[in-house]
Amino acid sequence: MDSTFIRDRITATKAQIVAYEDAIAALTTGGMVSYSIDTGQTKNSVTKLDLDKLNAALDGLYNRCATLEARLTGGGTIVSRAGW
């Protein structure tokens, strides 16, 4: 993948993170029962019953963003195992 593509994916992922965080905040701090998430690609209506799914999706978006940023900078993840 080229760096322009990765940067574009990082930007899109960060926009989704903001949309999901706004939805979670609106559903947990206000008297709202439902909220519409517009990521620019799709529109979803969510309710307080969806908070677990929203938090799981948000965790996935943060992981995706971290992975893309590591690819962009040439960094990576090191997995170590016991030597025995």
PDB file of N, CA and C in Angstrom:
ATOM      1  N   MET A   1       0.846  -1.179   0.000  1.00  0.00           N
ATOM      2  CA  MET A   1       0.000   0.000   0.000  1.00  0.00           C
ATOM      3  C   MET A   1       0.888   1.237   0.000  1.00  0.00           C
ATOM      4  N   ASP A   2       0.455   2.235  -0.722  1.00  0.00           N
ATOM      5  CA  ASP A   2       1.236   3.460  -0.724  1.00  0.00           C
ATOM      6  C   ASP A   2       0.815   4.373   0.425  1.00  0.00           C
ATOM      7  N   SER A   3       1.675   5.324   0.732  1.00  0.00           N
ATOM      8  CA  SER A   3       1.447   6.172   1.907  1.00  0.00           C
ATOM      9  C   SER A   3       0.220   7.064   1.759  1.00  0.00           C
ATOM     10  N   THR A   4      -0.108   7.476   0.544  1.00  0.00           N
ATOM     11  CA  THR A   4      -1.292   8.313   0.343  1.00  0.00           C
ATOM     12  C   THR A   4      -2.556   7.551   0.697  1.00  0.00           C
ATOM     13  N   PHE A   5      -2.629   6.303   0.260  1.00  0.00           N
ATOM     14  CA  PHE A   5      -3.787   5.471   0.576  1.00  0.00           C
ATOM     15  C   PHE A   5      -3.911   5.279   2.086  1.00  0.00           C
ATOM     16  N   ILE A   6      -2.806   4.984   2.739  1.00  0.00           N
ATOM     17  CA  ILE A   6      -2.835   4.755   4.184  1.00  0.00           C
ATOM     18  C   ILE A   6      -3.252   6.027   4.913  1.00  0.00           C
ATOM     19  N   ARG A   7      -2.729   7.172   4.496  1.00  0.00           N
ATOM     20  CA  ARG A   7      -3.120   8.442   5.131  1.00  0.00           C
ATOM     21  C   ARG A   7      -4.623   8.688   4.964  1.00  0.00           C
ATOM     22  N   ASP A   8      -5.148   8.399   3.779  1.00  0.00           N
ATOM     23  CA  ASP A   8      -6.585   8.567   3.541  1.00  0.00           C
ATOM     24  C   ASP A   8      -7.405   7.649   4.449  1.00  0.00           C
ATOM     25  N   ARG A   9      -6.949   6.420   4.642  1.00  0.00           N
ATOM     26  CA  ARG A   9      -7.645   5.468   5.521  1.00  0.00           C
ATOM     27  C   ARG A   9      -7.569   5.929   6.973  1.00  0.00           C
ATOM     28  N   ILE A  10      -6.440   6.490   7.384  1.00  0.00           N
ATOM     29  CA  ILE A  10      -6.306   7.010   8.744  1.00  0.00           C
ATOM     30  C   ILE A  10      -7.288   8.155   8.959  1.00  0.00           C
ATOM     31  N   THR A  11      -7.380   9.057   7.998  1.00  0.00           N
ATOM     32  CA  THR A  11      -8.307  10.186   8.095  1.00  0.00           C
ATOM     33  C   THR A  11      -9.746   9.700   8.188  1.00  0.00           C
ATOM     34  N   ALA A  12     -10.117   8.729   7.347  1.00  0.00           N
ATOM     35  CA  ALA A  12     -11.479   8.185   7.371  1.00  0.00           C
ATOM     36  C   ALA A  12     -11.762   7.479   8.691  1.00  0.00           C
ATOM     37  N   THR A  13     -10.793   6.740   9.196  1.00  0.00           N
ATOM     38  CA  THR A  13     -10.967   6.022  10.464  1.00  0.00           C
ATOM     39  C   THR A  13     -11.127   6.997  11.621  1.00  0.00           C
ATOM     40  N   LYS A  14     -10.345   8.056  11.626  1.00  0.00           N
ATOM     41  CA  LYS A  14     -10.469   9.061  12.690  1.00  0.00           C
ATOM     42  C   LYS A  14     -11.829   9.745  12.651  1.00  0.00           C
ATOM     43  N   ALA A  15     -12.368   9.978  11.458  1.00  0.00           N
ATOM     44  CA  ALA A  15     -13.708  10.563  11.344  1.00  0.00           C
ATOM     45  C   ALA A  15     -14.758   9.616  11.919  1.00  0.00           C
ATOM     46  N   GLN A  16     -14.591   8.321  11.680  1.00  0.00           N
ATOM     47  CA  GLN A  16     -15.513   7.342  12.244  1.00  0.00           C
ATOM     48  C   GLN A  16     -15.395   7.290  13.760  1.00  0.00           C
ATOM     49  N   ILE A  17     -14.175   7.393  14.272  1.00  0.00           N
ATOM     50  CA  ILE A  17     -13.966   7.406  15.724  1.00  0.00           C
ATOM     51  C   ILE A  17     -14.719   8.563  16.352  1.00  0.00           C
ATOM     52  N   VAL A  18     -14.617   9.738  15.756  1.00  0.00           N
ATOM     53  CA  VAL A  18     -15.310  10.917  16.280  1.00  0.00           C
ATOM     54  C   VAL A  18     -16.825  10.698  16.250  1.00  0.00           C
ATOM     55  N   ALA A  19     -17.339  10.135  15.164  1.00  0.00           N
ATOM     56  CA  ALA A  19     -18.778   9.893  15.052  1.00  0.00           C
ATOM     57  C   ALA A  19     -19.261   8.918  16.123  1.00  0.00           C
ATOM     58  N   TYR A  20     -18.508   7.864  16.355  1.00  0.00           N
ATOM     59  CA  TYR A  20     -18.906   6.881  17.372  1.00  0.00           C
ATOM     60  C   TYR A  20     -18.782   7.463  18.778  1.00  0.00           C
ATOM     61  N   GLU A  21     -17.736   8.233  19.036  1.00  0.00           N
ATOM     62  CA  GLU A  21     -17.600   8.854  20.356  1.00  0.00           C
ATOM     63  C   GLU A  21     -18.726   9.848  20.609  1.00  0.00           C
ATOM     64  N   ASP A  22     -19.120  10.609  19.579  1.00  0.00           N
ATOM     65  CA  ASP A  22     -20.232  11.548  19.732  1.00  0.00           C
ATOM     66  C   ASP A  22     -21.526  10.807  20.048  1.00  0.00           C
ATOM     67  N   ALA A  23     -21.746   9.688  19.373  1.00  0.00           N
ATOM     68  CA  ALA A  23     -22.960   8.903  19.613  1.00  0.00           C
ATOM     69  C   ALA A  23     -22.980   8.356  21.040  1.00  0.00           C
ATOM     70  N   ILE A  24     -21.862   7.810  21.468  1.00  0.00           N
ATOM     71  CA  ILE A  24     -21.786   7.257  22.825  1.00  0.00           C
ATOM     72  C   ILE A  24     -22.005   8.345  23.865  1.00  0.00           C
ATOM     73  N   ALA A  25     -21.384   9.491  23.658  1.00  0.00           N
ATOM     74  CA  ALA A  25     -21.547  10.598  24.602  1.00  0.00           C
ATOM     75  C   ALA A  25     -22.996  11.081  24.641  1.00  0.00           C
ATOM     76  N   ALA A  26     -23.621  11.189  23.495  1.00  0.00           N
ATOM     77  CA  ALA A  26     -25.007  11.664  23.451  1.00  0.00           C
ATOM     78  C   ALA A  26     -25.950  10.694  24.142  1.00  0.00           C
ATOM     79  N   LEU A  27     -25.697   9.411  23.971  1.00  0.00           N
ATOM     80  CA  LEU A  27     -26.587   8.411  24.563  1.00  0.00           C
ATOM     81  C   LEU A  27     -26.356   8.222  26.061  1.00  0.00           C
ATOM     82  N   THR A  28     -25.158   8.496  26.534  1.00  0.00           N
ATOM     83  CA  THR A  28     -24.867   8.259  27.949  1.00  0.00           C
ATOM     84  C   THR A  28     -25.005   9.495  28.823  1.00  0.00           C
ATOM     85  N   THR A  29     -24.844  10.684  28.264  1.00  0.00           N
ATOM     86  CA  THR A  29     -24.872  11.884  29.101  1.00  0.00           C
ATOM     87  C   THR A  29     -26.160  12.673  28.985  1.00  0.00           C
ATOM     88  N   GLY A  30     -26.873  12.488  27.900  1.00  0.00           N
ATOM     89  CA  GLY A  30     -28.098  13.252  27.715  1.00  0.00           C
ATOM     90  C   GLY A  30     -29.319  12.395  27.911  1.00  0.00           C
ATOM     91  N   GLY A  31     -30.439  12.981  27.681  1.00  0.00           N
ATOM     92  CA  GLY A  31     -31.691  12.255  27.794  1.00  0.00           C
ATOM     93  C   GLY A  31     -32.094  11.606  26.485  1.00  0.00           C
ATOM     94  N   MET A  32     -31.150  11.483  25.572  1.00  0.00           N
ATOM     95  CA  MET A  32     -31.463  10.928  24.259  1.00  0.00           C
ATOM     96  C   MET A  32     -31.683   9.421  24.346  1.00  0.00           C
ATOM     97  N   VAL A  33     -32.650   8.948  23.590  1.00  0.00           N
ATOM     98  CA  VAL A  33     -32.942   7.528  23.537  1.00  0.00           C
ATOM     99  C   VAL A  33     -32.344   6.918  22.273  1.00  0.00           C
ATOM    100  N   SER A  34     -32.285   7.704  21.204  1.00  0.00           N
ATOM    101  CA  SER A  34     -31.689   7.221  19.959  1.00  0.00           C
ATOM    102  C   SER A  34     -30.810   8.317  19.364  1.00  0.00           C
ATOM    103  N   TYR A  35     -29.901   7.881  18.502  1.00  0.00           N
ATOM    104  CA  TYR A  35     -28.934   8.805  17.906  1.00  0.00           C
ATOM    105  C   TYR A  35     -28.630   8.303  16.496  1.00  0.00           C
ATOM    106  N   SER A  36     -28.416   9.213  15.577  1.00  0.00           N
ATOM    107  CA  SER A  36     -28.087   8.841  14.204  1.00  0.00           C
ATOM    108  C   SER A  36     -26.605   9.089  13.958  1.00  0.00           C
ATOM    109  N   ILE A  37     -25.896   8.033  13.578  1.00  0.00           N
ATOM    110  CA  ILE A  37     -24.467   8.136  13.282  1.00  0.00           C
ATOM    111  C   ILE A  37     -24.302   8.300  11.776  1.00  0.00           C
ATOM    112  N   ASP A  38     -23.645   9.392  11.385  1.00  0.00           N
ATOM    113  CA  ASP A  38     -23.359   9.628   9.972  1.00  0.00           C
ATOM    114  C   ASP A  38     -21.850   9.644   9.805  1.00  0.00           C
ATOM    115  N   THR A  39     -21.296   8.569   9.245  1.00  0.00           N
ATOM    116  CA  THR A  39     -19.849   8.469   9.072  1.00  0.00           C
ATOM    117  C   THR A  39     -19.384   9.051   7.737  1.00  0.00           C
ATOM    118  N   GLY A  40     -20.310   9.553   6.946  1.00  0.00           N
ATOM    119  CA  GLY A  40     -19.957  10.049   5.632  1.00  0.00           C
ATOM    120  C   GLY A  40     -20.144   8.980   4.566  1.00  0.00           C
ATOM    121  N   GLN A  41     -20.134   7.744   4.987  1.00  0.00           N
ATOM    122  CA  GLN A  41     -20.363   6.631   4.070  1.00  0.00           C
ATOM    123  C   GLN A  41     -21.715   5.991   4.326  1.00  0.00           C
ATOM    124  N   THR A  42     -22.082   5.895   5.583  1.00  0.00           N
ATOM    125  CA  THR A  42     -23.356   5.284   5.960  1.00  0.00           C
ATOM    126  C   THR A  42     -24.005   6.092   7.073  1.00  0.00           C
ATOM    127  N   LYS A  43     -25.300   5.895   7.222  1.00  0.00           N
ATOM    128  CA  LYS A  43     -26.042   6.485   8.335  1.00  0.00           C
ATOM    129  C   LYS A  43     -26.700   5.350   9.089  1.00  0.00           C
ATOM    130  N   ASN A  44     -26.483   5.324  10.400  1.00  0.00           N
ATOM    131  CA  ASN A  44     -27.070   4.290  11.255  1.00  0.00           C
ATOM    132  C   ASN A  44     -27.793   4.949  12.407  1.00  0.00           C
ATOM    133  N   SER A  45     -28.909   4.392  12.772  1.00  0.00           N
ATOM    134  CA  SER A  45     -29.629   4.844  13.947  1.00  0.00           C
ATOM    135  C   SER A  45     -29.354   3.846  15.066  1.00  0.00           C
ATOM    136  N   VAL A  46     -28.921   4.358  16.209  1.00  0.00           N
ATOM    137  CA  VAL A  46     -28.593   3.505  17.351  1.00  0.00           C
ATOM    138  C   VAL A  46     -29.359   3.981  18.580  1.00  0.00           C
ATOM    139  N   THR A  47     -29.497   3.070  19.536  1.00  0.00           N
ATOM    140  CA  THR A  47     -30.186   3.401  20.783  1.00  0.00           C
ATOM    141  C   THR A  47     -29.269   3.055  21.956  1.00  0.00           C
ATOM    142  N   LYS A  48     -29.754   3.342  23.157  1.00  0.00           N
ATOM    143  CA  LYS A  48     -28.977   3.019  24.349  1.00  0.00           C
ATOM    144  C   LYS A  48     -28.712   1.523  24.461  1.00  0.00           C
ATOM    145  N   LEU A  49     -29.580   0.716  23.883  1.00  0.00           N
ATOM    146  CA  LEU A  49     -29.385  -0.736  23.906  1.00  0.00           C
ATOM    147  C   LEU A  49     -28.167  -1.153  23.076  1.00  0.00           C
ATOM    148  N   ASP A  50     -27.702  -0.277  22.195  1.00  0.00           N
ATOM    149  CA  ASP A  50     -26.575  -0.582  21.323  1.00  0.00           C
ATOM    150  C   ASP A  50     -25.224  -0.135  21.891  1.00  0.00           C
ATOM    151  N   LEU A  51     -25.195   0.346  23.121  1.00  0.00           N
ATOM    152  CA  LEU A  51     -23.951   0.896  23.676  1.00  0.00           C
ATOM    153  C   LEU A  51     -22.811  -0.123  23.699  1.00  0.00           C
ATOM    154  N   ASP A  52     -23.085  -1.372  24.022  1.00  0.00           N
ATOM    155  CA  ASP A  52     -22.026  -2.392  24.015  1.00  0.00           C
ATOM    156  C   ASP A  52     -21.454  -2.567  22.616  1.00  0.00           C
ATOM    157  N   LYS A  53     -22.313  -2.602  21.617  1.00  0.00           N
ATOM    158  CA  LYS A  53     -21.854  -2.734  20.231  1.00  0.00           C
ATOM    159  C   LYS A  53     -21.073  -1.495  19.791  1.00  0.00           C
ATOM    160  N   LEU A  54     -21.532  -0.330  20.210  1.00  0.00           N
ATOM    161  CA  LEU A  54     -20.828   0.904  19.861  1.00  0.00           C
ATOM    162  C   LEU A  54     -19.429   0.929  20.467  1.00  0.00           C
ATOM    163  N   ASN A  55     -19.328   0.534  21.732  1.00  0.00           N
ATOM    164  CA  ASN A  55     -18.017   0.508  22.387  1.00  0.00           C
ATOM    165  C   ASN A  55     -17.089  -0.517  21.735  1.00  0.00           C
ATOM    166  N   ALA A  56     -17.617  -1.669  21.354  1.00  0.00           N
ATOM    167  CA  ALA A  56     -16.803  -2.684  20.675  1.00  0.00           C
ATOM    168  C   ALA A  56     -16.346  -2.173  19.312  1.00  0.00           C
ATOM    169  N   ALA A  57     -17.243  -1.514  18.595  1.00  0.00           N
ATOM    170  CA  ALA A  57     -16.874  -0.955  17.290  1.00  0.00           C
ATOM    171  C   ALA A  57     -15.824   0.145  17.452  1.00  0.00           C
ATOM    172  N   LEU A  58     -15.969   0.953  18.495  1.00  0.00           N
ATOM    173  CA  LEU A  58     -14.997   2.018  18.750  1.00  0.00           C
ATOM    174  C   LEU A  58     -13.621   1.436  19.058  1.00  0.00           C
ATOM    175  N   ASP A  59     -13.573   0.377  19.858  1.00  0.00           N
ATOM    176  CA  ASP A  59     -12.301  -0.292  20.135  1.00  0.00           C
ATOM    177  C   ASP A  59     -11.666  -0.797  18.840  1.00  0.00           C
ATOM    178  N   GLY A  60     -12.478  -1.369  17.967  1.00  0.00           N
ATOM    179  CA  GLY A  60     -11.973  -1.854  16.686  1.00  0.00           C
ATOM    180  C   GLY A  60     -11.431  -0.729  15.819  1.00  0.00           C
ATOM    181  N   LEU A  61     -12.103   0.409  15.842  1.00  0.00           N
ATOM    182  CA  LEU A  61     -11.634   1.558  15.060  1.00  0.00           C
ATOM    183  C   LEU A  61     -10.300   2.080  15.594  1.00  0.00           C
ATOM    184  N   TYR A  62     -10.157   2.132  16.924  1.00  0.00           N
ATOM    185  CA  TYR A  62      -8.872   2.553  17.496  1.00  0.00           C
ATOM    186  C   TYR A  62      -7.764   1.578  17.117  1.00  0.00           C
ATOM    187  N   ASN A  63      -8.056   0.284  17.132  1.00  0.00           N
ATOM    188  CA  ASN A  63      -7.058  -0.704  16.726  1.00  0.00           C
ATOM    189  C   ASN A  63      -6.685  -0.545  15.260  1.00  0.00           C
ATOM    190  N   ARG A  64      -7.685  -0.327  14.404  1.00  0.00           N
ATOM    191  CA  ARG A  64      -7.424  -0.122  12.982  1.00  0.00           C
ATOM    192  C   ARG A  64      -6.540   1.105  12.770  1.00  0.00           C
ATOM    193  N   CYS A  65      -6.859   2.179  13.479  1.00  0.00           N
ATOM    194  CA  CYS A  65      -6.083   3.410  13.341  1.00  0.00           C
ATOM    195  C   CYS A  65      -4.634   3.190  13.772  1.00  0.00           C
ATOM    196  N   ALA A  66      -4.436   2.496  14.882  1.00  0.00           N
ATOM    197  CA  ALA A  66      -3.079   2.222  15.364  1.00  0.00           C
ATOM    198  C   ALA A  66      -2.312   1.358  14.372  1.00  0.00           C
ATOM    199  N   THR A  67      -2.984   0.366  13.786  1.00  0.00           N
ATOM    200  CA  THR A  67      -2.339  -0.500  12.804  1.00  0.00           C
ATOM    201  C   THR A  67      -1.948   0.283  11.562  1.00  0.00           C
ATOM    202  N   LEU A  68      -2.843   1.117  11.075  1.00  0.00           N
ATOM    203  CA  LEU A  68      -2.543   1.920   9.889  1.00  0.00           C
ATOM    204  C   LEU A  68      -1.396   2.899  10.148  1.00  0.00           C
ATOM    205  N   GLU A  69      -1.395   3.521  11.330  1.00  0.00           N
ATOM    206  CA  GLU A  69      -0.316   4.446  11.655  1.00  0.00           C
ATOM    207  C   GLU A  69       1.015   3.713  11.757  1.00  0.00           C
ATOM    208  N   ALA A  70       1.006   2.490  12.277  1.00  0.00           N
ATOM    209  CA  ALA A  70       2.234   1.702  12.343  1.00  0.00           C
ATOM    210  C   ALA A  70       2.721   1.353  10.941  1.00  0.00           C
ATOM    211  N   ARG A  71       1.812   1.024  10.042  1.00  0.00           N
ATOM    212  CA  ARG A  71       2.201   0.736   8.656  1.00  0.00           C
ATOM    213  C   ARG A  71       2.775   1.964   7.981  1.00  0.00           C
ATOM    214  N   LEU A  72       2.194   3.115   8.273  1.00  0.00           N
ATOM    215  CA  LEU A  72       2.652   4.349   7.649  1.00  0.00           C
ATOM    216  C   LEU A  72       4.064   4.717   8.081  1.00  0.00           C
ATOM    217  N   THR A  73       4.354   4.525   9.360  1.00  0.00           N
ATOM    218  CA  THR A  73       5.653   4.929   9.889  1.00  0.00           C
ATOM    219  C   THR A  73       6.690   3.820   9.819  1.00  0.00           C
ATOM    220  N   GLY A  74       6.268   2.640   9.366  1.00  0.00           N
ATOM    221  CA  GLY A  74       7.207   1.523   9.292  1.00  0.00           C
ATOM    222  C   GLY A  74       7.352   0.791  10.606  1.00  0.00           C
ATOM    223  N   GLY A  75       6.580   1.188  11.588  1.00  0.00           N
ATOM    224  CA  GLY A  75       6.617   0.510  12.881  1.00  0.00           C
ATOM    225  C   GLY A  75       5.820  -0.769  12.819  1.00  0.00           C
ATOM    226  N   GLY A  76       5.857  -1.491  13.861  1.00  0.00           N
ATOM    227  CA  GLY A  76       5.111  -2.739  13.884  1.00  0.00           C
ATOM    228  C   GLY A  76       4.929  -3.225  15.296  1.00  0.00           C
ATOM    229  N   THR A  77       4.426  -4.400  15.397  1.00  0.00           N
ATOM    230  CA  THR A  77       4.199  -5.032  16.680  1.00  0.00           C
ATOM    231  C   THR A  77       5.147  -6.201  16.829  1.00  0.00           C
ATOM    232  N   ILE A  78       5.760  -6.306  17.976  1.00  0.00           N
ATOM    233  CA  ILE A  78       6.676  -7.413  18.248  1.00  0.00           C
ATOM    234  C   ILE A  78       5.976  -8.382  19.182  1.00  0.00           C
ATOM    235  N   VAL A  79       5.953  -9.618  18.792  1.00  0.00           N
ATOM    236  CA  VAL A  79       5.367 -10.664  19.618  1.00  0.00           C
ATOM    237  C   VAL A  79       6.515 -11.490  20.169  1.00  0.00           C
ATOM    238  N   SER A  80       6.596 -11.592  21.478  1.00  0.00           N
ATOM    239  CA  SER A  80       7.684 -12.389  22.062  1.00  0.00           C
ATOM    240  C   SER A  80       7.095 -13.622  22.738  1.00  0.00           C
ATOM    241  N   ARG A  81       7.921 -14.633  22.797  1.00  0.00           N
ATOM    242  CA  ARG A  81       7.508 -15.872  23.434  1.00  0.00           C
ATOM    243  C   ARG A  81       8.586 -16.310  24.411  1.00  0.00           C
ATOM    244  N   ALA A  82       8.161 -17.123  25.326  1.00  0.00           N
ATOM    245  CA  ALA A  82       9.132 -17.651  26.289  1.00  0.00           C
ATOM    246  C   ALA A  82      10.173 -18.493  25.564  1.00  0.00           C
ATOM    247  N   GLY A  83      11.401 -18.494  26.048  1.00  0.00           N
ATOM    248  CA  GLY A  83      12.484 -19.204  25.391  1.00  0.00           C
ATOM    249  C   GLY A  83      12.597 -20.653  25.771  1.00  0.00           C
ATOM    250  N   TRP A  84      11.709 -21.156  26.570  1.00  0.00           N
ATOM    251  CA  TRP A  84      11.806 -22.559  26.973  1.00  0.00           C
ATOM    252  C   TRP A  84      10.885 -23.450  26.206  1.00  0.00           C
TER     253      TRP A  84
END
